């Protein structure tokens, strides 16, 4: 049970770090090229959604595998 909690926690922490890096990089890119903000924002949202999906899957697997 403890290992399942640790696994779920690591998945959530990893997802948070990944989404934070994506957001920061997107803001840097928008600051450099404001005219491309729409395309950058769309790509950022898609990437963040994929990371959230993988993190949710990892949490479910960690809790089921207990």
N, C-alpha and C. Protein backbone atom coordinates (compact mmCIF):
# COMPACT_ATOMS: atom_id res chain seq x y z
N UNK A 1 0.82 -1.19 0.00
CA UNK A 1 0.00 0.00 0.00
C UNK A 1 0.87 1.26 0.00
N UNK A 2 1.94 1.23 0.77
CA UNK A 2 2.84 2.39 0.83
C UNK A 2 3.52 2.61 -0.51
N UNK A 3 3.94 1.52 -1.14
CA UNK A 3 4.61 1.65 -2.43
C UNK A 3 3.68 2.17 -3.51
N UNK A 4 2.40 1.82 -3.42
CA UNK A 4 1.42 2.35 -4.37
C UNK A 4 1.30 3.87 -4.20
N UNK A 5 1.28 4.32 -2.96
CA UNK A 5 1.22 5.75 -2.70
C UNK A 5 2.46 6.48 -3.18
N UNK A 6 3.62 5.86 -2.99
CA UNK A 6 4.86 6.48 -3.47
C UNK A 6 4.86 6.55 -4.99
N UNK A 7 4.43 5.46 -5.63
CA UNK A 7 4.38 5.45 -7.09
C UNK A 7 3.43 6.49 -7.64
N UNK A 8 2.25 6.60 -7.04
CA UNK A 8 1.28 7.61 -7.48
C UNK A 8 1.83 9.01 -7.26
N UNK A 9 2.49 9.22 -6.12
CA UNK A 9 3.07 10.53 -5.83
C UNK A 9 4.15 10.92 -6.81
N UNK A 10 5.00 9.96 -7.16
CA UNK A 10 6.06 10.24 -8.14
C UNK A 10 5.47 10.57 -9.51
N UNK A 11 4.41 9.88 -9.89
CA UNK A 11 3.76 10.17 -11.17
C UNK A 11 3.20 11.58 -11.19
N UNK A 12 2.58 11.99 -10.10
CA UNK A 12 2.00 13.33 -10.04
C UNK A 12 3.09 14.40 -10.01
N UNK A 13 4.16 14.15 -9.27
CA UNK A 13 5.26 15.11 -9.23
C UNK A 13 5.91 15.25 -10.60
N UNK A 14 6.12 14.12 -11.27
CA UNK A 14 6.70 14.16 -12.61
C UNK A 14 5.83 14.93 -13.59
N UNK A 15 4.53 14.71 -13.50
CA UNK A 15 3.61 15.43 -14.38
C UNK A 15 3.63 16.92 -14.09
N UNK A 16 3.68 17.28 -12.83
CA UNK A 16 3.73 18.70 -12.47
C UNK A 16 4.99 19.38 -12.99
N UNK A 17 6.11 18.70 -12.87
CA UNK A 17 7.36 19.25 -13.39
C UNK A 17 7.31 19.39 -14.91
N UNK A 18 6.78 18.35 -15.57
CA UNK A 18 6.70 18.39 -17.03
C UNK A 18 5.80 19.50 -17.53
N UNK A 19 4.64 19.65 -16.93
CA UNK A 19 3.72 20.70 -17.36
C UNK A 19 4.29 22.08 -17.04
N UNK A 20 5.01 22.19 -15.93
CA UNK A 20 5.65 23.46 -15.61
C UNK A 20 6.71 23.85 -16.63
N UNK A 21 7.49 22.86 -17.06
CA UNK A 21 8.51 23.14 -18.09
C UNK A 21 7.86 23.51 -19.41
N UNK A 22 6.78 22.82 -19.76
CA UNK A 22 6.09 23.16 -21.01
C UNK A 22 5.54 24.58 -20.95
N UNK A 23 4.90 24.92 -19.83
CA UNK A 23 4.35 26.26 -19.69
C UNK A 23 5.42 27.34 -19.74
N UNK A 24 6.52 27.12 -19.05
CA UNK A 24 7.61 28.10 -19.06
C UNK A 24 8.22 28.27 -20.43
N UNK A 25 8.43 27.15 -21.11
CA UNK A 25 9.01 27.22 -22.46
C UNK A 25 8.05 27.90 -23.43
N UNK A 26 6.77 27.64 -23.27
CA UNK A 26 5.78 28.28 -24.14
C UNK A 26 5.75 29.79 -23.91
N UNK A 27 5.85 30.21 -22.65
CA UNK A 27 5.86 31.65 -22.38
C UNK A 27 7.11 32.31 -22.97
N UNK A 28 8.25 31.62 -22.88
CA UNK A 28 9.47 32.16 -23.50
C UNK A 28 9.30 32.28 -25.02
N UNK A 29 8.71 31.26 -25.63
CA UNK A 29 8.53 31.28 -27.08
C UNK A 29 7.56 32.38 -27.49
N UNK A 30 6.49 32.56 -26.72
CA UNK A 30 5.53 33.62 -27.05
C UNK A 30 6.16 34.99 -26.87
N UNK A 31 7.04 35.13 -25.88
CA UNK A 31 7.73 36.42 -25.68
C UNK A 31 8.65 36.73 -26.85
N UNK A 32 9.24 35.69 -27.44
CA UNK A 32 10.14 35.91 -28.58
C UNK A 32 9.39 36.15 -29.87
N UNK A 33 8.26 35.45 -30.06
CA UNK A 33 7.47 35.59 -31.29
C UNK A 33 5.99 35.73 -30.94
N UNK A 34 5.56 36.92 -30.61
CA UNK A 34 4.16 37.11 -30.21
C UNK A 34 3.16 36.75 -31.32
N UNK A 35 3.58 36.87 -32.57
CA UNK A 35 2.65 36.57 -33.67
C UNK A 35 2.34 35.08 -33.78
N UNK A 36 3.15 34.23 -33.17
CA UNK A 36 2.93 32.79 -33.21
C UNK A 36 2.26 32.28 -31.93
N UNK A 37 1.69 33.17 -31.15
CA UNK A 37 1.13 32.79 -29.85
C UNK A 37 0.04 31.74 -29.96
N UNK A 38 -0.81 31.84 -30.97
CA UNK A 38 -1.90 30.89 -31.12
C UNK A 38 -1.41 29.47 -31.35
N UNK A 39 -0.45 29.33 -32.25
CA UNK A 39 0.09 28.00 -32.54
C UNK A 39 0.84 27.43 -31.34
N UNK A 40 1.59 28.27 -30.66
CA UNK A 40 2.36 27.82 -29.50
C UNK A 40 1.42 27.40 -28.37
N UNK A 41 0.39 28.19 -28.15
CA UNK A 41 -0.56 27.87 -27.09
C UNK A 41 -1.30 26.57 -27.38
N UNK A 42 -1.67 26.36 -28.63
CA UNK A 42 -2.36 25.11 -28.99
C UNK A 42 -1.46 23.91 -28.75
N UNK A 43 -0.21 24.01 -29.18
CA UNK A 43 0.73 22.90 -28.98
C UNK A 43 0.97 22.66 -27.49
N UNK A 44 1.03 23.74 -26.71
CA UNK A 44 1.25 23.61 -25.27
C UNK A 44 0.08 22.90 -24.60
N UNK A 45 -1.13 23.25 -24.98
CA UNK A 45 -2.30 22.62 -24.37
C UNK A 45 -2.38 21.15 -24.73
N UNK A 46 -2.07 20.80 -25.98
CA UNK A 46 -2.09 19.40 -26.39
C UNK A 46 -1.04 18.61 -25.62
N UNK A 47 0.16 19.15 -25.51
CA UNK A 47 1.24 18.45 -24.79
C UNK A 47 0.88 18.30 -23.31
N UNK A 48 0.33 19.33 -22.71
CA UNK A 48 -0.07 19.25 -21.29
C UNK A 48 -1.16 18.21 -21.09
N UNK A 49 -2.10 18.12 -22.02
CA UNK A 49 -3.17 17.13 -21.91
C UNK A 49 -2.61 15.72 -22.02
N UNK A 50 -1.65 15.52 -22.91
CA UNK A 50 -1.03 14.19 -23.03
C UNK A 50 -0.28 13.81 -21.76
N UNK A 51 0.41 14.76 -21.17
CA UNK A 51 1.12 14.48 -19.92
C UNK A 51 0.13 14.15 -18.81
N UNK A 52 -0.97 14.89 -18.75
CA UNK A 52 -1.99 14.61 -17.73
C UNK A 52 -2.56 13.21 -17.91
N UNK A 53 -2.77 12.81 -19.16
CA UNK A 53 -3.29 11.48 -19.42
C UNK A 53 -2.34 10.39 -18.97
N UNK A 54 -1.07 10.56 -19.26
CA UNK A 54 -0.06 9.58 -18.84
C UNK A 54 0.04 9.55 -17.32
N UNK A 55 -0.03 10.69 -16.68
CA UNK A 55 0.05 10.74 -15.21
C UNK A 55 -1.16 10.05 -14.59
N UNK A 56 -2.34 10.29 -15.14
CA UNK A 56 -3.54 9.63 -14.62
C UNK A 56 -3.43 8.12 -14.79
N UNK A 57 -2.94 7.68 -15.94
CA UNK A 57 -2.75 6.26 -16.19
C UNK A 57 -1.76 5.68 -15.18
N UNK A 58 -0.67 6.38 -14.92
CA UNK A 58 0.34 5.91 -13.98
C UNK A 58 -0.23 5.80 -12.56
N UNK A 59 -1.05 6.75 -12.16
CA UNK A 59 -1.66 6.70 -10.83
C UNK A 59 -2.61 5.51 -10.73
N UNK A 60 -3.41 5.31 -11.76
CA UNK A 60 -4.35 4.17 -11.74
C UNK A 60 -3.59 2.86 -11.69
N UNK A 61 -2.54 2.71 -12.49
CA UNK A 61 -1.75 1.49 -12.48
C UNK A 61 -1.09 1.28 -11.12
N UNK A 62 -0.57 2.34 -10.54
CA UNK A 62 0.09 2.21 -9.23
C UNK A 62 -0.92 1.77 -8.16
N UNK A 63 -2.12 2.29 -8.22
CA UNK A 63 -3.12 1.94 -7.21
C UNK A 63 -3.73 0.56 -7.46
N UNK A 64 -3.84 0.15 -8.71
CA UNK A 64 -4.37 -1.18 -9.02
C UNK A 64 -3.33 -2.26 -8.68
N UNK A 65 -2.06 -1.96 -8.90
CA UNK A 65 -1.00 -2.96 -8.73
C UNK A 65 -0.71 -3.28 -7.26
N UNK A 66 -1.35 -2.60 -6.37
CA UNK A 66 -1.08 -2.86 -4.96
C UNK A 66 -1.52 -4.23 -4.65
